[in-house]
Amino acid sequence: MVKRTGPSTLELRDLITDLNKLASKQKVNLWKRIAEDLNKPTRTRREVNLYKINKYTKNNEIALIPGKVLSIGNLDKKITVAAYKFSNEAREKINKIGKAISIKELMRENPEGKKVRILG
């Protein structure tokens, strides 16, 4: 059996390292959980459509998706969506009403992880 090496993308490896450092520095388990989710194989990583994000979030909330956001559905709430990847259409739809940011940006803006909902 082949030994698992983890993500091969350098950008993703750096993000996982940064998440683990922030988790130990701030003592926030949220970042550790996201690092574990991103460390999974690509085929098991989460993919979430906009209609699910709209259904499970409240107005002015932060939704964190440790995977990819897809564009099926629409948003009718002003929310911030942070994810590892976005489809082009999903990013456009989110930015019309709310704000689409990367996980690194969320780490800079909200290192304590307050009012963040993990979806997927």
C-alpha atoms as a PDB file:
ATOM      1  CA  MET A   1       0.000   0.000   0.000  1.00  0.00           C
ATOM      2  CA  VAL A   2       1.221   3.486  -0.866  1.00  0.00           C
ATOM      3  CA  LYS A   3       1.820   5.876   2.028  1.00  0.00           C
ATOM      4  CA  ARG A   4      -0.401   8.968   2.020  1.00  0.00           C
ATOM      5  CA  THR A   5       1.645  12.115   1.446  1.00  0.00           C
ATOM      6  CA  GLY A   6      -1.039  14.763   1.889  1.00  0.00           C
ATOM      7  CA  PRO A   7      -1.935  17.571  -0.497  1.00  0.00           C
ATOM      8  CA  SER A   8       0.460  18.035  -3.380  1.00  0.00           C
ATOM      9  CA  THR A   9      -0.432  21.693  -3.984  1.00  0.00           C
ATOM     10  CA  LEU A  10       2.131  23.951  -2.318  1.00  0.00           C
ATOM     11  CA  GLU A  11      -0.487  26.667  -1.738  1.00  0.00           C
ATOM     12  CA  LEU A  12      -2.749  24.203   0.098  1.00  0.00           C
ATOM     13  CA  ARG A  13       0.122  22.846   2.200  1.00  0.00           C
ATOM     14  CA  ASP A  14       1.024  26.392   3.269  1.00  0.00           C
ATOM     15  CA  LEU A  15      -2.613  27.124   4.139  1.00  0.00           C
ATOM     16  CA  ILE A  16      -2.860  23.986   6.297  1.00  0.00           C
ATOM     17  CA  THR A  17       0.377  24.911   8.093  1.00  0.00           C
ATOM     18  CA  ASP A  18      -0.890  28.468   8.703  1.00  0.00           C
ATOM     19  CA  LEU A  19      -4.219  27.137  10.015  1.00  0.00           C
ATOM     20  CA  ASN A  20      -2.460  24.826  12.476  1.00  0.00           C
ATOM     21  CA  LYS A  21      -0.174  27.647  13.677  1.00  0.00           C
ATOM     22  CA  LEU A  22      -3.137  29.986  14.207  1.00  0.00           C
ATOM     23  CA  ALA A  23      -5.059  27.237  16.037  1.00  0.00           C
ATOM     24  CA  SER A  24      -2.243  26.726  18.536  1.00  0.00           C
ATOM     25  CA  LYS A  25      -1.495  30.447  18.893  1.00  0.00           C
ATOM     26  CA  GLN A  26      -5.127  31.576  19.413  1.00  0.00           C
ATOM     27  CA  LYS A  27      -6.208  28.294  21.080  1.00  0.00           C
ATOM     28  CA  VAL A  28      -9.175  28.055  18.688  1.00  0.00           C
ATOM     29  CA  ASN A  29     -10.211  24.565  17.582  1.00  0.00           C
ATOM     30  CA  LEU A  30     -12.054  25.939  14.525  1.00  0.00           C
ATOM     31  CA  TRP A  31      -8.823  26.433  12.590  1.00  0.00           C
ATOM     32  CA  LYS A  32      -7.546  22.974  13.543  1.00  0.00           C
ATOM     33  CA  ARG A  33     -10.800  21.428  12.285  1.00  0.00           C
ATOM     34  CA  ILE A  34     -10.550  23.281   8.957  1.00  0.00           C
ATOM     35  CA  ALA A  35      -6.917  22.156   8.561  1.00  0.00           C
ATOM     36  CA  GLU A  36      -7.987  18.538   9.079  1.00  0.00           C
ATOM     37  CA  ASP A  37     -10.789  18.887   6.504  1.00  0.00           C
ATOM     38  CA  LEU A  38      -8.460  20.424   3.917  1.00  0.00           C
ATOM     39  CA  ASN A  39      -5.912  17.668   4.499  1.00  0.00           C
ATOM     40  CA  LYS A  40      -8.374  15.073   3.155  1.00  0.00           C
ATOM     41  CA  PRO A  41      -8.140  13.797  -0.442  1.00  0.00           C
ATOM     42  CA  THR A  42      -9.641  16.049  -3.131  1.00  0.00           C
ATOM     43  CA  ARG A  43     -12.420  13.602  -3.973  1.00  0.00           C
ATOM     44  CA  THR A  44     -13.711  13.645  -0.385  1.00  0.00           C
ATOM     45  CA  ARG A  45     -13.400  17.395   0.108  1.00  0.00           C
ATOM     46  CA  ARG A  46     -16.662  19.316   0.500  1.00  0.00           C
ATOM     47  CA  GLU A  47     -18.557  20.932  -2.364  1.00  0.00           C
ATOM     48  CA  VAL A  48     -21.452  23.188  -1.370  1.00  0.00           C
ATOM     49  CA  ASN A  49     -24.027  24.899  -3.578  1.00  0.00           C
ATOM     50  CA  LEU A  50     -25.285  28.436  -2.954  1.00  0.00           C
ATOM     51  CA  TYR A  51     -28.831  27.313  -2.128  1.00  0.00           C
ATOM     52  CA  LYS A  52     -27.519  25.307   0.855  1.00  0.00           C
ATOM     53  CA  ILE A  53     -25.440  28.248   2.058  1.00  0.00           C
ATOM     54  CA  ASN A  54     -28.552  30.437   1.808  1.00  0.00           C
ATOM     55  CA  LYS A  55     -30.691  27.864   3.668  1.00  0.00           C
ATOM     56  CA  TYR A  56     -28.361  27.305   6.647  1.00  0.00           C
ATOM     57  CA  THR A  57     -27.038  30.812   7.330  1.00  0.00           C
ATOM     58  CA  LYS A  58     -28.455  33.956   8.886  1.00  0.00           C
ATOM     59  CA  ASN A  59     -28.049  37.555   7.761  1.00  0.00           C
ATOM     60  CA  ASN A  60     -24.592  39.119   8.392  1.00  0.00           C
ATOM     61  CA  GLU A  61     -23.044  35.747   9.239  1.00  0.00           C
ATOM     62  CA  ILE A  62     -19.790  34.165   8.049  1.00  0.00           C
ATOM     63  CA  ALA A  63     -20.038  30.805   6.256  1.00  0.00           C
ATOM     64  CA  LEU A  64     -16.814  28.792   6.038  1.00  0.00           C
ATOM     65  CA  ILE A  65     -16.554  26.022   3.462  1.00  0.00           C
ATOM     66  CA  PRO A  66     -13.399  23.853   3.608  1.00  0.00           C
ATOM     67  CA  GLY A  67     -13.716  22.966  -0.064  1.00  0.00           C
ATOM     68  CA  LYS A  68     -15.385  24.442  -3.126  1.00  0.00           C
ATOM     69  CA  VAL A  69     -18.478  26.624  -3.512  1.00  0.00           C
ATOM     70  CA  LEU A  70     -20.640  25.839  -6.551  1.00  0.00           C
ATOM     71  CA  SER A  71     -23.168  28.133  -8.214  1.00  0.00           C
ATOM     72  CA  ILE A  72     -26.510  26.282  -8.103  1.00  0.00           C
ATOM     73  CA  GLY A  73     -29.054  28.523  -6.395  1.00  0.00           C
ATOM     74  CA  ASN A  74     -29.039  32.153  -5.272  1.00  0.00           C
ATOM     75  CA  LEU A  75     -28.389  34.170  -2.136  1.00  0.00           C
ATOM     76  CA  ASP A  76     -30.943  36.526  -0.611  1.00  0.00           C
ATOM     77  CA  LYS A  77     -28.969  37.357   2.554  1.00  0.00           C
ATOM     78  CA  LYS A  78     -25.984  39.604   3.042  1.00  0.00           C
ATOM     79  CA  ILE A  79     -23.337  37.124   4.203  1.00  0.00           C
ATOM     80  CA  THR A  80     -19.607  36.587   3.928  1.00  0.00           C
ATOM     81  CA  VAL A  81     -18.561  33.282   2.378  1.00  0.00           C
ATOM     82  CA  ALA A  82     -15.009  32.040   2.957  1.00  0.00           C
ATOM     83  CA  ALA A  83     -13.832  28.974   1.031  1.00  0.00           C
ATOM     84  CA  TYR A  84     -10.765  27.277  -0.363  1.00  0.00           C
ATOM     85  CA  LYS A  85     -12.130  27.543  -3.930  1.00  0.00           C
ATOM     86  CA  PHE A  86     -15.077  29.145  -5.734  1.00  0.00           C
ATOM     87  CA  SER A  87     -16.532  28.482  -9.154  1.00  0.00           C
ATOM     88  CA  ASN A  88     -16.542  31.682 -11.236  1.00  0.00           C
ATOM     89  CA  GLU A  89     -20.341  31.932 -11.276  1.00  0.00           C
ATOM     90  CA  ALA A  90     -20.586  31.349  -7.527  1.00  0.00           C
ATOM     91  CA  ARG A  91     -18.080  34.129  -6.800  1.00  0.00           C
ATOM     92  CA  GLU A  92     -20.065  36.545  -9.006  1.00  0.00           C
ATOM     93  CA  LYS A  93     -23.397  35.672  -7.354  1.00  0.00           C
ATOM     94  CA  ILE A  94     -21.974  36.007  -3.844  1.00  0.00           C
ATOM     95  CA  ASN A  95     -20.285  39.354  -4.557  1.00  0.00           C
ATOM     96  CA  LYS A  96     -23.577  40.843  -5.851  1.00  0.00           C
ATOM     97  CA  ILE A  97     -25.109  40.622  -2.373  1.00  0.00           C
ATOM     98  CA  GLY A  98     -22.411  39.633   0.100  1.00  0.00           C
ATOM     99  CA  LYS A  99     -18.688  39.030   0.044  1.00  0.00           C
ATOM    100  CA  ALA A 100     -16.604  36.073  -1.194  1.00  0.00           C
ATOM    101  CA  ILE A 101     -13.191  35.740   0.472  1.00  0.00           C
ATOM    102  CA  SER A 102     -10.476  33.123   0.801  1.00  0.00           C
ATOM    103  CA  ILE A 103      -9.775  31.253   4.031  1.00  0.00           C
ATOM    104  CA  LYS A 104      -6.474  33.163   4.394  1.00  0.00           C
ATOM    105  CA  GLU A 105      -8.355  36.482   4.298  1.00  0.00           C
ATOM    106  CA  LEU A 106     -10.774  35.212   6.947  1.00  0.00           C
ATOM    107  CA  MET A 107      -7.837  34.193   9.144  1.00  0.00           C
ATOM    108  CA  ARG A 108      -6.477  37.755   8.929  1.00  0.00           C
ATOM    109  CA  GLU A 109      -9.860  39.443   9.508  1.00  0.00           C
ATOM    110  CA  ASN A 110     -11.158  37.118  12.246  1.00  0.00           C
ATOM    111  CA  PRO A 111      -8.312  35.207  13.973  1.00  0.00           C
ATOM    112  CA  GLU A 112     -10.539  34.359  16.986  1.00  0.00           C
ATOM    113  CA  GLY A 113     -13.049  32.609  14.700  1.00  0.00           C
ATOM    114  CA  LYS A 114     -16.083  34.412  16.144  1.00  0.00           C
ATOM    115  CA  LYS A 115     -19.520  34.003  14.498  1.00  0.00           C
ATOM    116  CA  VAL A 116     -18.263  31.517  11.884  1.00  0.00           C
ATOM    117  CA  ARG A 117     -20.460  28.647  10.683  1.00  0.00           C
ATOM    118  CA  ILE A 118     -18.835  25.647   8.969  1.00  0.00           C
ATOM    119  CA  LEU A 119     -20.950  24.252   6.134  1.00  0.00           C
ATOM    120  CA  GLY A 120     -20.695  21.184   3.962  1.00  0.00           C
END
